[in-house]
Every structure is written in C-alpha cells, then in structure tokens.
Amino acid sequence: MRQGGHVKEKKIDPQVEAFIKKLKELGEDLSKLGDRDIFHPEEGYASKLVRQLKLTSVQLRRFYMEIRNIYEKYSQKQRDEKQEEAKLKYHLYKLYAMNSYQLNRRVFEDESFSELVKAILDCLDKNFNKESLRKATDFFMAMIAYSKK
C-alpha cells in the first residue's frame, strides 16, 4: 500500500499470521481444520482471534451470513451441476470486494481481520466443497459466539 509516496507495510497480528500458516500447512483446505482448532474456548483459533483483534459480532455477522448462504445453497445443489457451482463461486468472489470495502471504510482497527478473511476466501476458492464451506461457516459462527458484542 502506498501512502504519501512511501510504501506502507501491512501490520498483521501474529495470531492471524499463525492461523494463515496453519491453513497453508493444511494445503489451504479448510475441511482438514479440526473442530477443536475452531471451537475450543481457550485453544481454538476463533476465540483467540476474536479476543486478540477485539472484533464485534456486527463486524463478523456479514461475512458469516454470506458464507452460510453459499454453504446452504451448495448443500442443496445437485453434484453434477457445474453451472450452479459457478454461480455460488460468484457470490464467494463478491466477498473479496466486500472485504476490501470494509477495510477501506476502516471498519476494522487494522488489516489483520481483512487478511484473515482473505485467507479463508482463498482456501474456499482453492478447495470449493461442502465440507470446506461448513468449516468456514462454523469458524465465523464460533467467532461471533466468542465476541463480546
């Protein structure tokens, strides 16, 4: 990012970096992310990241609702309907723009949550399947559950 003629370095929270590293170790396949890694109140990434980034349920709910809608529609589609999958991926790709818009509006304190969302979307793009969508839905739901507001 450029700001005032200087290249501005992204400031990414170490907890977010650790989660992104974990996703890369799993081959960017969210379906391989363990339930304990998501839901555990002390050790799970959802609770750690919400506490660290001081996120509110309002900031999280929009992404949760969008990913949940994609998951529900994916669950209802026929296996051989490639055209239907392309429509669902369209909705996934729109989330990249929504993420950027919220970052530019300074909805988030820093770029960490935006990078987290981008990493999750990248995983879904690379491994677009029912189980990965379920894990992403579960992850955002758990983050909402652990947020204070």
N, C-alpha and C. Protein backbone atom coordinates (compact mmCIF):
# COMPACT_ATOMS: atom_id res chain seq x y z
N MET A 1 0.82 -1.17 0.00
CA MET A 1 0.00 0.00 0.00
C MET A 1 0.87 1.25 0.00
N ARG A 2 0.52 2.20 -0.83
CA ARG A 2 1.27 3.45 -0.88
C ARG A 2 0.54 4.50 -0.07
N GLN A 3 1.30 5.26 0.63
CA GLN A 3 0.70 6.34 1.41
C GLN A 3 1.73 7.46 1.47
N GLY A 4 1.39 8.60 0.88
CA GLY A 4 2.28 9.76 0.93
C GLY A 4 3.63 9.49 0.27
N GLY A 5 3.67 8.71 -0.83
CA GLY A 5 4.91 8.44 -1.53
C GLY A 5 5.74 7.31 -0.93
N HIS A 6 5.31 6.78 0.18
CA HIS A 6 6.04 5.70 0.83
C HIS A 6 5.21 4.43 0.76
N VAL A 7 5.88 3.32 0.69
CA VAL A 7 5.18 2.04 0.72
C VAL A 7 4.89 1.70 2.17
N LYS A 8 3.62 1.53 2.46
CA LYS A 8 3.19 1.23 3.82
C LYS A 8 3.15 -0.29 3.99
N GLU A 9 3.86 -0.80 4.99
CA GLU A 9 3.85 -2.23 5.25
C GLU A 9 2.58 -2.62 5.98
N LYS A 10 2.08 -3.80 5.63
CA LYS A 10 0.90 -4.30 6.32
C LYS A 10 1.29 -4.72 7.73
N LYS A 11 0.44 -4.34 8.67
CA LYS A 11 0.64 -4.77 10.05
C LYS A 11 -0.36 -5.89 10.32
N ILE A 12 0.15 -7.10 10.35
CA ILE A 12 -0.71 -8.26 10.57
C ILE A 12 -0.41 -8.83 11.95
N ASP A 13 -1.47 -9.06 12.69
CA ASP A 13 -1.36 -9.61 14.04
C ASP A 13 -0.71 -11.00 13.99
N PRO A 14 0.19 -11.30 14.94
CA PRO A 14 0.86 -12.61 14.97
C PRO A 14 -0.11 -13.80 15.06
N GLN A 15 -1.24 -13.62 15.75
CA GLN A 15 -2.24 -14.70 15.85
C GLN A 15 -2.84 -14.99 14.47
N VAL A 16 -3.08 -13.94 13.69
CA VAL A 16 -3.61 -14.10 12.33
C VAL A 16 -2.57 -14.79 11.46
N GLU A 17 -1.32 -14.36 11.60
CA GLU A 17 -0.24 -14.99 10.83
C GLU A 17 -0.13 -16.48 11.17
N ALA A 18 -0.29 -16.82 12.44
CA ALA A 18 -0.22 -18.23 12.86
C ALA A 18 -1.37 -19.03 12.24
N PHE A 19 -2.56 -18.44 12.20
CA PHE A 19 -3.70 -19.13 11.61
C PHE A 19 -3.51 -19.32 10.10
N ILE A 20 -3.03 -18.30 9.43
CA ILE A 20 -2.79 -18.39 7.99
C ILE A 20 -1.72 -19.45 7.71
N LYS A 21 -0.70 -19.50 8.56
CA LYS A 21 0.35 -20.52 8.42
C LYS A 21 -0.26 -21.92 8.58
N LYS A 22 -1.16 -22.08 9.55
CA LYS A 22 -1.84 -23.36 9.77
C LYS A 22 -2.64 -23.76 8.52
N LEU A 23 -3.33 -22.80 7.94
CA LEU A 23 -4.11 -23.09 6.73
C LEU A 23 -3.21 -23.55 5.59
N LYS A 24 -2.06 -22.91 5.46
CA LYS A 24 -1.11 -23.30 4.40
C LYS A 24 -0.56 -24.69 4.66
N GLU A 25 -0.31 -25.03 5.92
CA GLU A 25 0.16 -26.37 6.27
C GLU A 25 -0.89 -27.43 5.91
N LEU A 26 -2.15 -27.05 5.95
CA LEU A 26 -3.24 -27.96 5.61
C LEU A 26 -3.53 -27.96 4.11
N GLY A 27 -2.67 -27.34 3.34
CA GLY A 27 -2.88 -27.27 1.90
C GLY A 27 -4.01 -26.35 1.51
N GLU A 28 -4.27 -25.36 2.33
CA GLU A 28 -5.36 -24.40 2.13
C GLU A 28 -6.71 -25.12 1.97
N ASP A 29 -6.85 -26.20 2.70
CA ASP A 29 -8.09 -26.99 2.67
C ASP A 29 -8.75 -26.89 4.04
N LEU A 30 -9.77 -26.05 4.12
CA LEU A 30 -10.45 -25.84 5.40
C LEU A 30 -11.08 -27.11 5.95
N SER A 31 -11.41 -28.05 5.07
CA SER A 31 -12.04 -29.28 5.55
C SER A 31 -11.10 -30.08 6.45
N LYS A 32 -9.81 -29.81 6.38
CA LYS A 32 -8.83 -30.50 7.22
C LYS A 32 -8.63 -29.82 8.57
N LEU A 33 -9.24 -28.66 8.75
CA LEU A 33 -9.14 -27.94 10.02
C LEU A 33 -9.98 -28.66 11.06
N GLY A 34 -9.35 -29.02 12.17
CA GLY A 34 -10.04 -29.79 13.20
C GLY A 34 -11.09 -28.97 13.95
N ASP A 35 -12.12 -29.65 14.42
CA ASP A 35 -13.17 -28.98 15.18
C ASP A 35 -12.61 -28.32 16.43
N ARG A 36 -11.65 -28.96 17.08
CA ARG A 36 -11.02 -28.38 18.27
C ARG A 36 -10.29 -27.09 17.91
N ASP A 37 -9.65 -27.08 16.73
CA ASP A 37 -8.95 -25.87 16.28
C ASP A 37 -9.91 -24.70 16.08
N ILE A 38 -11.15 -25.01 15.81
CA ILE A 38 -12.15 -23.95 15.60
C ILE A 38 -12.83 -23.57 16.91
N PHE A 39 -13.37 -24.57 17.63
CA PHE A 39 -14.32 -24.30 18.70
C PHE A 39 -13.76 -24.20 20.12
N HIS A 40 -12.59 -24.73 20.39
CA HIS A 40 -12.12 -24.78 21.77
C HIS A 40 -12.05 -23.35 22.35
N PRO A 41 -12.61 -23.14 23.56
CA PRO A 41 -12.69 -21.79 24.12
C PRO A 41 -11.35 -21.13 24.44
N GLU A 42 -10.31 -21.91 24.74
CA GLU A 42 -9.01 -21.31 25.02
C GLU A 42 -8.02 -21.51 23.88
N GLU A 43 -8.02 -22.70 23.30
CA GLU A 43 -7.01 -23.04 22.28
C GLU A 43 -7.49 -22.87 20.85
N GLY A 44 -8.79 -22.74 20.64
CA GLY A 44 -9.33 -22.62 19.29
C GLY A 44 -8.99 -21.27 18.67
N TYR A 45 -8.79 -21.29 17.38
CA TYR A 45 -8.44 -20.06 16.67
C TYR A 45 -9.56 -19.02 16.73
N ALA A 46 -10.80 -19.44 16.70
CA ALA A 46 -11.92 -18.49 16.72
C ALA A 46 -11.88 -17.63 17.99
N SER A 47 -11.76 -18.26 19.14
CA SER A 47 -11.75 -17.48 20.38
C SER A 47 -10.48 -16.64 20.51
N LYS A 48 -9.34 -17.20 20.13
CA LYS A 48 -8.08 -16.45 20.21
C LYS A 48 -8.12 -15.20 19.33
N LEU A 49 -8.59 -15.37 18.10
CA LEU A 49 -8.58 -14.25 17.16
C LEU A 49 -9.58 -13.18 17.54
N VAL A 50 -10.74 -13.58 18.01
CA VAL A 50 -11.73 -12.58 18.43
C VAL A 50 -11.19 -11.75 19.60
N ARG A 51 -10.58 -12.42 20.57
CA ARG A 51 -10.01 -11.70 21.72
C ARG A 51 -8.87 -10.78 21.28
N GLN A 52 -7.99 -11.30 20.46
CA GLN A 52 -6.81 -10.54 20.05
C GLN A 52 -7.18 -9.34 19.18
N LEU A 53 -8.10 -9.53 18.25
CA LEU A 53 -8.45 -8.47 17.30
C LEU A 53 -9.57 -7.57 17.80
N LYS A 54 -10.14 -7.92 18.95
CA LYS A 54 -11.23 -7.14 19.55
C LYS A 54 -12.37 -6.92 18.56
N LEU A 55 -12.82 -8.02 17.96
CA LEU A 55 -13.88 -7.96 16.97
C LEU A 55 -15.25 -8.01 17.63
N THR A 56 -16.21 -7.37 17.00
CA THR A 56 -17.58 -7.41 17.49
C THR A 56 -18.41 -8.32 16.59
N SER A 57 -19.55 -8.74 17.09
CA SER A 57 -20.42 -9.61 16.30
C SER A 57 -20.91 -8.90 15.04
N VAL A 58 -21.08 -7.59 15.11
CA VAL A 58 -21.52 -6.82 13.94
C VAL A 58 -20.49 -6.92 12.82
N GLN A 59 -19.21 -6.81 13.16
CA GLN A 59 -18.16 -6.91 12.15
C GLN A 59 -18.11 -8.30 11.52
N LEU A 60 -18.46 -9.30 12.27
CA LEU A 60 -18.35 -10.69 11.83
C LEU A 60 -19.60 -11.20 11.12
N ARG A 61 -20.75 -10.71 11.53
CA ARG A 61 -22.01 -11.29 11.09
C ARG A 61 -22.21 -11.24 9.58
N ARG A 62 -21.78 -10.17 8.95
CA ARG A 62 -21.99 -10.04 7.50
C ARG A 62 -21.26 -11.16 6.74
N PHE A 63 -20.01 -11.41 7.11
CA PHE A 63 -19.26 -12.48 6.45
C PHE A 63 -19.87 -13.84 6.77
N TYR A 64 -20.27 -14.02 8.01
CA TYR A 64 -20.91 -15.28 8.41
C TYR A 64 -22.16 -15.54 7.58
N MET A 65 -23.02 -14.54 7.47
CA MET A 65 -24.28 -14.71 6.74
C MET A 65 -24.03 -15.03 5.27
N GLU A 66 -23.08 -14.35 4.66
CA GLU A 66 -22.80 -14.60 3.25
C GLU A 66 -22.24 -16.01 3.02
N ILE A 67 -21.29 -16.41 3.84
CA ILE A 67 -20.70 -17.75 3.68
C ILE A 67 -21.73 -18.83 4.02
N ARG A 68 -22.54 -18.58 5.03
CA ARG A 68 -23.59 -19.55 5.38
C ARG A 68 -24.59 -19.71 4.22
N ASN A 69 -24.95 -18.61 3.57
CA ASN A 69 -25.86 -18.69 2.43
C ASN A 69 -25.25 -19.51 1.29
N ILE A 70 -23.97 -19.32 1.01
CA ILE A 70 -23.30 -20.10 -0.02
C ILE A 70 -23.30 -21.58 0.37
N TYR A 71 -22.99 -21.86 1.64
CA TYR A 71 -22.98 -23.25 2.12
C TYR A 71 -24.36 -23.89 1.97
N GLU A 72 -25.41 -23.19 2.37
CA GLU A 72 -26.76 -23.75 2.28
C GLU A 72 -27.16 -24.02 0.83
N LYS A 73 -26.83 -23.10 -0.06
CA LYS A 73 -27.15 -23.31 -1.47
C LYS A 73 -26.32 -24.45 -2.05
N TYR A 74 -25.06 -24.55 -1.64
CA TYR A 74 -24.21 -25.63 -2.12
C TYR A 74 -24.75 -26.97 -1.65
N SER A 75 -25.23 -27.02 -0.43
CA SER A 75 -25.76 -28.27 0.13
C SER A 75 -27.00 -28.74 -0.62
N GLN A 76 -27.73 -27.83 -1.22
CA GLN A 76 -28.97 -28.17 -1.92
C GLN A 76 -28.74 -28.51 -3.40
N LYS A 77 -27.59 -28.16 -3.95
CA LYS A 77 -27.38 -28.36 -5.39
C LYS A 77 -27.12 -29.82 -5.72
N GLN A 78 -27.33 -30.15 -6.96
CA GLN A 78 -27.02 -31.49 -7.46
C GLN A 78 -25.52 -31.56 -7.71
N ARG A 79 -24.93 -32.71 -7.49
CA ARG A 79 -23.49 -32.90 -7.63
C ARG A 79 -22.96 -32.53 -9.02
N ASP A 80 -23.72 -32.80 -10.07
CA ASP A 80 -23.24 -32.61 -11.43
C ASP A 80 -23.57 -31.23 -12.02
N GLU A 81 -24.04 -30.35 -11.24
CA GLU A 81 -24.44 -29.03 -11.74
C GLU A 81 -23.28 -28.05 -11.64
N LYS A 82 -22.39 -28.08 -12.63
CA LYS A 82 -21.23 -27.18 -12.66
C LYS A 82 -21.66 -25.73 -12.80
N GLN A 83 -22.74 -25.48 -13.53
CA GLN A 83 -23.22 -24.11 -13.71
C GLN A 83 -23.67 -23.53 -12.37
N GLU A 84 -24.32 -24.35 -11.56
CA GLU A 84 -24.76 -23.90 -10.23
C GLU A 84 -23.55 -23.59 -9.35
N GLU A 85 -22.50 -24.40 -9.45
CA GLU A 85 -21.29 -24.15 -8.67
C GLU A 85 -20.65 -22.82 -9.09
N ALA A 86 -20.66 -22.53 -10.38
CA ALA A 86 -20.10 -21.26 -10.86
C ALA A 86 -20.87 -20.07 -10.28
N LYS A 87 -22.18 -20.21 -10.17
CA LYS A 87 -22.99 -19.15 -9.57
C LYS A 87 -22.63 -18.94 -8.10
N LEU A 88 -22.40 -20.05 -7.40
CA LEU A 88 -22.04 -19.96 -5.99
C LEU A 88 -20.65 -19.33 -5.83
N LYS A 89 -19.73 -19.67 -6.71
CA LYS A 89 -18.39 -19.08 -6.64
C LYS A 89 -18.45 -17.58 -6.92
N TYR A 90 -19.38 -17.16 -7.76
CA TYR A 90 -19.59 -15.73 -8.00
C TYR A 90 -19.86 -15.01 -6.68
N HIS A 91 -20.71 -15.60 -5.85
CA HIS A 91 -21.01 -14.99 -4.54
C HIS A 91 -19.78 -15.00 -3.63
N LEU A 92 -18.98 -16.04 -3.74
CA LEU A 92 -17.73 -16.12 -2.98
C LEU A 92 -16.80 -14.98 -3.41
N TYR A 93 -16.65 -14.78 -4.71
CA TYR A 93 -15.74 -13.74 -5.21
C TYR A 93 -16.21 -12.34 -4.82
N LYS A 94 -17.51 -12.14 -4.69
CA LYS A 94 -18.03 -10.84 -4.25
C LYS A 94 -17.56 -10.52 -2.83
N LEU A 95 -17.29 -11.54 -2.04
CA LEU A 95 -16.84 -11.32 -0.67
C LEU A 95 -15.45 -10.66 -0.63
N TYR A 96 -14.63 -10.91 -1.64
CA TYR A 96 -13.34 -10.22 -1.71
C TYR A 96 -13.56 -8.70 -1.78
N ALA A 97 -14.50 -8.28 -2.62
CA ALA A 97 -14.80 -6.85 -2.75
C ALA A 97 -15.40 -6.30 -1.46
N MET A 98 -16.29 -7.05 -0.84
CA MET A 98 -16.89 -6.61 0.41
C MET A 98 -15.82 -6.45 1.49
N ASN A 99 -14.89 -7.37 1.53
CA ASN A 99 -13.79 -7.32 2.49
C ASN A 99 -12.95 -6.05 2.26
N SER A 100 -12.61 -5.79 1.03
CA SER A 100 -11.83 -4.60 0.70
C SER A 100 -12.59 -3.32 1.04
N TYR A 101 -13.87 -3.30 0.74
CA TYR A 101 -14.71 -2.13 1.05
C TYR A 101 -14.72 -1.85 2.55
N GLN A 102 -14.89 -2.89 3.35
CA GLN A 102 -14.92 -2.68 4.80
C GLN A 102 -13.56 -2.23 5.33
N LEU A 103 -12.49 -2.76 4.75
CA LEU A 103 -11.15 -2.32 5.15
C LEU A 103 -10.95 -0.85 4.80
N ASN A 104 -11.35 -0.45 3.60
CA ASN A 104 -11.19 0.94 3.18
C ASN A 104 -12.05 1.90 3.99
N ARG A 105 -13.18 1.44 4.48
CA ARG A 105 -14.04 2.27 5.34
C ARG A 105 -13.53 2.31 6.78
N ARG A 106 -12.47 1.56 7.05
CA ARG A 106 -11.85 1.47 8.37
C ARG A 106 -12.81 0.87 9.41
N VAL A 107 -13.57 -0.12 8.96
CA VAL A 107 -14.46 -0.85 9.87
C VAL A 107 -13.62 -1.64 10.86
N PHE A 108 -12.43 -2.09 10.43
CA PHE A 108 -11.54 -2.86 11.27
C PHE A 108 -10.41 -1.96 11.78
N GLU A 109 -9.88 -2.28 12.96
CA GLU A 109 -8.80 -1.49 13.55
C GLU A 109 -7.55 -1.49 12.69
N ASP A 110 -7.22 -2.64 12.12
CA ASP A 110 -6.05 -2.74 11.25
C ASP A 110 -6.36 -3.75 10.14
N GLU A 111 -5.36 -4.14 9.40
CA GLU A 111 -5.57 -5.02 8.26
C GLU A 111 -5.64 -6.51 8.64
N SER A 112 -5.47 -6.83 9.89
CA SER A 112 -5.40 -8.23 10.31
C SER A 112 -6.67 -9.01 10.00
N PHE A 113 -7.83 -8.46 10.35
CA PHE A 113 -9.07 -9.19 10.09
C PHE A 113 -9.30 -9.33 8.59
N SER A 114 -8.99 -8.30 7.84
CA SER A 114 -9.13 -8.36 6.40
C SER A 114 -8.25 -9.45 5.79
N GLU A 115 -7.03 -9.58 6.29
CA GLU A 115 -6.12 -10.63 5.82
C GLU A 115 -6.63 -12.02 6.21
N LEU A 116 -7.23 -12.11 7.38
CA LEU A 116 -7.83 -13.37 7.82
C LEU A 116 -8.95 -13.79 6.88
N VAL A 117 -9.84 -12.86 6.58
CA VAL A 117 -10.96 -13.13 5.68
C VAL A 117 -10.42 -13.52 4.30
N LYS A 118 -9.44 -12.80 3.81
CA LYS A 118 -8.86 -13.10 2.51
C LYS A 118 -8.27 -14.51 2.48
N ALA A 119 -7.59 -14.91 3.54
CA ALA A 119 -7.01 -16.25 3.61
C ALA A 119 -8.10 -17.33 3.57
N ILE A 120 -9.19 -17.09 4.28
CA ILE A 120 -10.30 -18.05 4.29
C ILE A 120 -10.95 -18.12 2.90
N LEU A 121 -11.14 -16.97 2.28
CA LEU A 121 -11.72 -16.95 0.93
C LEU A 121 -10.80 -17.65 -0.07
N ASP A 122 -9.49 -17.43 0.07
CA ASP A 122 -8.53 -18.10 -0.82
C ASP A 122 -8.63 -19.62 -0.67
N CYS A 123 -8.77 -20.08 0.57
CA CYS A 123 -8.92 -21.52 0.82
C CYS A 123 -10.19 -22.05 0.16
N LEU A 124 -11.28 -21.31 0.30
CA LEU A 124 -12.54 -21.75 -0.30
C LEU A 124 -12.46 -21.74 -1.82
N ASP A 125 -11.76 -20.77 -2.37
CA ASP A 125 -11.60 -20.71 -3.82
C ASP A 125 -10.81 -21.92 -4.32
N LYS A 126 -9.77 -22.26 -3.59
CA LYS A 126 -8.90 -23.38 -3.99
C LYS A 126 -9.57 -24.74 -3.77
N ASN A 127 -10.31 -24.87 -2.69
CA ASN A 127 -10.96 -26.13 -2.33
C ASN A 127 -12.44 -25.87 -2.07
N PHE A 128 -13.18 -25.65 -3.14
CA PHE A 128 -14.60 -25.31 -3.04
C PHE A 128 -15.42 -26.60 -2.94
N ASN A 129 -15.73 -26.97 -1.69
CA ASN A 129 -16.52 -28.17 -1.46
C ASN A 129 -17.38 -27.98 -0.21
N LYS A 130 -18.31 -28.87 -0.03
CA LYS A 130 -19.29 -28.75 1.05
C LYS A 130 -18.62 -28.71 2.43
N GLU A 131 -17.64 -29.58 2.66
CA GLU A 131 -17.01 -29.64 3.98
C GLU A 131 -16.21 -28.36 4.27
N SER A 132 -15.51 -27.84 3.28
CA SER A 132 -14.75 -26.59 3.49
C SER A 132 -15.70 -25.43 3.77
N LEU A 133 -16.81 -25.38 3.06
CA LEU A 133 -17.81 -24.33 3.31
C LEU A 133 -18.40 -24.47 4.71
N ARG A 134 -18.63 -25.70 5.14
CA ARG A 134 -19.16 -25.93 6.50
C ARG A 134 -18.16 -25.44 7.54
N LYS A 135 -16.87 -25.74 7.34
CA LYS A 135 -15.85 -25.32 8.30
C LYS A 135 -15.74 -23.80 8.35
N ALA A 136 -15.83 -23.14 7.20
CA ALA A 136 -15.78 -21.67 7.17
C ALA A 136 -16.99 -21.09 7.90
N THR A 137 -18.15 -21.68 7.66
CA THR A 137 -19.38 -21.24 8.35
C THR A 137 -19.22 -21.44 9.85
N ASP A 138 -18.73 -22.60 10.25
CA ASP A 138 -18.52 -22.88 11.67
C ASP A 138 -17.53 -21.90 12.29
N PHE A 139 -16.47 -21.59 11.56
CA PHE A 139 -15.44 -20.70 12.08
C PHE A 139 -16.01 -19.31 12.37
N PHE A 140 -16.75 -18.74 11.42
CA PHE A 140 -17.34 -17.42 11.64
C PHE A 140 -18.42 -17.47 12.72
N MET A 141 -19.19 -18.56 12.78
CA MET A 141 -20.19 -18.70 13.83
C MET A 141 -19.53 -18.74 15.21
N ALA A 142 -18.41 -19.47 15.31
CA ALA A 142 -17.70 -19.53 16.58
C ALA A 142 -17.12 -18.17 16.95
N MET A 143 -16.63 -17.46 15.97
CA MET A 143 -16.10 -16.11 16.26
C MET A 143 -17.19 -15.20 16.80
N ILE A 144 -18.37 -15.29 16.21
CA ILE A 144 -19.50 -14.49 16.71
C ILE A 144 -19.84 -14.91 18.14
N ALA A 145 -19.84 -16.20 18.39
CA ALA A 145 -20.16 -16.69 19.73
C ALA A 145 -19.17 -16.19 20.78
N TYR A 146 -17.90 -16.08 20.41
CA TYR A 146 -16.88 -15.63 21.35
C TYR A 146 -16.71 -14.12 21.41
N SER A 147 -17.37 -13.39 20.51
CA SER A 147 -17.25 -11.92 20.55
C SER A 147 -18.11 -11.38 21.68
N LYS A 148 -17.72 -10.25 22.22
CA LYS A 148 -18.42 -9.69 23.38
C LYS A 148 -19.70 -8.99 22.99
N LYS A 149 -19.73 -8.36 21.82
CA LYS A 149 -20.89 -7.55 21.44
C LYS A 149 -21.51 -8.09 20.18
